[in-house]
Amino acid sequence: MTLRLRPDVYEVVKRFAAENFRSMTAEINELLLEATKKASGANQSNPDASEQ
């Protein structure tokens, strides 16, 4: 899969990956997992959020 990132986002993810001793792919997976958990939690705590 090809993923196109803005250069500034690429650099931040690259830095996070290095700090966490992960590959870029592993870091992107972790960031996406955190974001989806956060979004799911936000939707559960506010059931009307999906209607907006």
N, C-alpha and C. Protein backbone atom coordinates (compact mmCIF):
# COMPACT_ATOMS: atom_id res chain seq x y z
N MET A 1 0.85 -1.17 0.00
CA MET A 1 0.00 0.00 0.00
C MET A 1 0.90 1.24 0.00
N THR A 2 0.54 2.18 -0.79
CA THR A 2 1.26 3.45 -0.82
C THR A 2 0.51 4.46 0.03
N LEU A 3 1.26 5.19 0.82
CA LEU A 3 0.67 6.21 1.67
C LEU A 3 1.40 7.52 1.41
N ARG A 4 0.67 8.52 1.06
CA ARG A 4 1.26 9.83 0.81
C ARG A 4 1.01 10.72 2.02
N LEU A 5 2.08 11.21 2.59
CA LEU A 5 1.99 12.09 3.76
C LEU A 5 2.57 13.44 3.41
N ARG A 6 2.02 14.46 4.05
CA ARG A 6 2.64 15.78 3.90
C ARG A 6 4.04 15.69 4.50
N PRO A 7 5.00 16.42 3.94
CA PRO A 7 6.37 16.35 4.44
C PRO A 7 6.49 16.65 5.94
N ASP A 8 5.71 17.60 6.46
CA ASP A 8 5.81 17.91 7.88
C ASP A 8 5.27 16.77 8.74
N VAL A 9 4.21 16.12 8.29
CA VAL A 9 3.65 14.98 9.02
C VAL A 9 4.64 13.82 8.97
N TYR A 10 5.23 13.59 7.83
CA TYR A 10 6.23 12.53 7.67
C TYR A 10 7.36 12.70 8.68
N GLU A 11 7.86 13.91 8.79
CA GLU A 11 8.99 14.17 9.71
C GLU A 11 8.60 13.93 11.16
N VAL A 12 7.39 14.32 11.54
CA VAL A 12 6.94 14.10 12.92
C VAL A 12 6.80 12.61 13.20
N VAL A 13 6.17 11.87 12.29
CA VAL A 13 5.99 10.43 12.48
C VAL A 13 7.36 9.74 12.51
N LYS A 14 8.26 10.18 11.66
CA LYS A 14 9.61 9.62 11.63
C LYS A 14 10.31 9.82 12.98
N ARG A 15 10.15 11.02 13.54
CA ARG A 15 10.76 11.32 14.85
C ARG A 15 10.13 10.47 15.94
N PHE A 16 8.78 10.39 15.96
CA PHE A 16 8.08 9.56 16.95
C PHE A 16 8.54 8.10 16.85
N ALA A 17 8.65 7.60 15.63
CA ALA A 17 9.07 6.21 15.41
C ALA A 17 10.47 5.98 15.99
N ALA A 18 11.36 6.89 15.73
CA ALA A 18 12.72 6.75 16.25
C ALA A 18 12.74 6.79 17.78
N GLU A 19 11.97 7.70 18.36
CA GLU A 19 11.90 7.81 19.82
C GLU A 19 11.32 6.56 20.46
N ASN A 20 10.40 5.89 19.77
CA ASN A 20 9.74 4.70 20.29
C ASN A 20 10.37 3.40 19.80
N PHE A 21 11.50 3.51 19.08
CA PHE A 21 12.22 2.35 18.54
C PHE A 21 11.30 1.48 17.69
N ARG A 22 10.53 2.15 16.83
CA ARG A 22 9.61 1.47 15.92
C ARG A 22 9.92 1.85 14.49
N SER A 23 9.40 1.03 13.58
CA SER A 23 9.44 1.40 12.16
C SER A 23 8.37 2.45 11.92
N MET A 24 8.45 3.09 10.78
CA MET A 24 7.40 4.05 10.41
C MET A 24 6.04 3.36 10.34
N THR A 25 6.01 2.16 9.78
CA THR A 25 4.75 1.43 9.67
C THR A 25 4.17 1.12 11.04
N ALA A 26 4.99 0.64 11.95
CA ALA A 26 4.52 0.32 13.30
C ALA A 26 4.04 1.58 14.01
N GLU A 27 4.74 2.68 13.82
CA GLU A 27 4.33 3.94 14.47
C GLU A 27 3.00 4.43 13.92
N ILE A 28 2.82 4.36 12.61
CA ILE A 28 1.55 4.78 12.00
C ILE A 28 0.42 3.89 12.51
N ASN A 29 0.67 2.57 12.62
CA ASN A 29 -0.35 1.67 13.16
C ASN A 29 -0.73 2.05 14.59
N GLU A 30 0.24 2.35 15.43
CA GLU A 30 -0.04 2.74 16.81
C GLU A 30 -0.82 4.06 16.87
N LEU A 31 -0.43 5.02 16.06
CA LEU A 31 -1.12 6.30 16.04
C LEU A 31 -2.57 6.14 15.58
N LEU A 32 -2.77 5.32 14.56
CA LEU A 32 -4.13 5.07 14.07
C LEU A 32 -4.96 4.32 15.11
N LEU A 33 -4.36 3.36 15.78
CA LEU A 33 -5.06 2.62 16.82
C LEU A 33 -5.49 3.55 17.95
N GLU A 34 -4.58 4.41 18.41
CA GLU A 34 -4.92 5.39 19.46
C GLU A 34 -6.05 6.31 19.01
N ALA A 35 -5.98 6.78 17.78
CA ALA A 35 -7.00 7.70 17.27
C ALA A 35 -8.35 7.03 17.16
N THR A 36 -8.38 5.77 16.70
CA THR A 36 -9.66 5.08 16.57
C THR A 36 -10.25 4.75 17.94
N LYS A 37 -9.41 4.40 18.90
CA LYS A 37 -9.90 4.15 20.26
C LYS A 37 -10.48 5.44 20.85
N LYS A 38 -9.78 6.53 20.64
CA LYS A 38 -10.24 7.82 21.15
C LYS A 38 -11.57 8.21 20.50
N ALA A 39 -11.66 8.03 19.19
CA ALA A 39 -12.88 8.38 18.46
C ALA A 39 -14.03 7.48 18.90
N SER A 40 -13.77 6.21 19.10
CA SER A 40 -14.81 5.29 19.55
C SER A 40 -15.29 5.66 20.94
N GLY A 41 -14.38 6.00 21.81
CA GLY A 41 -14.74 6.41 23.16
C GLY A 41 -15.54 7.69 23.17
N ALA A 42 -15.19 8.62 22.31
CA ALA A 42 -15.92 9.89 22.22
C ALA A 42 -17.34 9.66 21.73
N ASN A 43 -17.50 8.76 20.78
CA ASN A 43 -18.83 8.46 20.25
C ASN A 43 -19.69 7.72 21.27
N GLN A 44 -19.08 6.89 22.09
CA GLN A 44 -19.84 6.15 23.10
C GLN A 44 -20.28 7.07 24.23
N SER A 45 -19.44 8.04 24.60
CA SER A 45 -19.80 8.93 25.69
C SER A 45 -20.81 9.99 25.26
N ASN A 46 -20.91 10.24 23.94
CA ASN A 46 -21.84 11.21 23.40
C ASN A 46 -22.57 10.59 22.22
N PRO A 47 -23.65 9.86 22.47
CA PRO A 47 -24.34 9.16 21.38
C PRO A 47 -24.86 10.08 20.28
N ASP A 48 -25.09 11.35 20.59
CA ASP A 48 -25.60 12.29 19.59
C ASP A 48 -24.49 12.79 18.67
N ALA A 49 -23.22 12.49 18.96
CA ALA A 49 -22.09 13.00 18.18
C ALA A 49 -22.15 12.51 16.74
N SER A 50 -22.65 11.28 16.51
CA SER A 50 -22.69 10.75 15.15
C SER A 50 -23.77 11.41 14.31
N GLU A 51 -24.73 12.08 14.94
CA GLU A 51 -25.81 12.74 14.20
C GLU A 51 -25.45 14.13 13.74
N GLN A 52 -24.33 14.65 14.18
CA GLN A 52 -23.96 16.04 13.84
C GLN A 52 -23.26 16.09 12.52
